[in-house]
Amino acid sequence: MSSAIQIRMGGYGPSTTSFSRGLKLIGDRLAAVLGDQVDVKYVWNIMDFGYRAEDILWLVEHGILTLGYQSSSYLTDRIPELATVDLPFLFASNAEARGAMDGALGRFLARKIEERVGYRILGWYENGFRQVSNRLRAIREPADFSGLRIRVLPSEVQKKTFELLGAVPLKLDLTEAIAMIKDGTIDAQENPLANTVTYGVHKYHHFHTLTNHFYISRPIFVHRAAFDAWPTAVQQAMQDAVSEAVAFQREEAIREDAEARAAILAQGCELDTLPLAAHEAFVRAVQPLHQEAQQTYGKEALGLLNRA
């Protein structure tokens, strides 16, 4: 086994999530195809070992881990073009968003990441549509956000989105956010429902609103120097395994969303769906960001986005 290729895969959630089970599927497929050519091990949740969720980025970039995933918003400070897919109310459905990320837009963004970071991008997990939860009041119109201290991902677009809605957005790593939600020093957060339940937020937040304000993908990335040094057959096996894992994870995300809705209601929380008129009010409130994007992100990125 000493001559086997060492592959260490990591994430930042329990082993039961669709993301972790997707990693396990990748490892199982590699073992089935390559046998003792590879030695695969997993770190399901780096936060269990004192790391921040965002640390997955440098752990893979520096080769401590071979493969990981992270929400694309965490890379917008290094790859400005990624901020295009942080724009609010961008996609109408999972199918539309998946088509964009699997098509020309996703390939363009993958290329931009690889130009600036030591990764190979092999696919896009679905983090999905994000919803709002808070401890203070129901959110049914933009004015209800007034003064709410809300955790957002480390993205200027996401920060500006909630500023336009009247909230006080705080860019925080997940580890910080969980602690502040538990002690009540922030009022609100936004996440897919499955994440809200995975991290126990529904035990602290009574009010949940289905806003669908962002759709976020999680690139699956490998340490480029390691990947490029592998034999072609190993590279292809990894790409094939990741493609299968993406399809699996996306289907599991649908089931996880349904289970999360049930868990939120079982906790005694309120779970509200925005009426059409309210949804349109939110869309109008954040239109300045879309107008600003025309001047910020370049014709190529926006052209691909519009075609998607």
Foldseek 3Di string as FASTA:
>chain_A
DVQAAEAEEEAAFDCPALQNVLVVLLVVLLCVVPPRNHDYDYHYRCVVVVDFRLVVQVCQLVPVHFKYKDWLQSCCVQQVLSCVQVAWPQDDDPVRVQCLCVDDLVVVSQVSCVVGTQKRWQGKAWQFFKWKFFAPDADAALQVQAAAEEEDANHPNVCVLSVLSRHHYDHDTPVVVLVCLVVVVGTMYMGQLLVCVRSVSLLRTQYIERLSTHTIIMTMIGRNVSLVPDPPVSNVSSSVSSVVSRVSSVVVVVVSSVVSVVVSVVSVGDYYYHDPVRSVNSVVSSVVSVVVCVVPNDDVSVVSSVVD
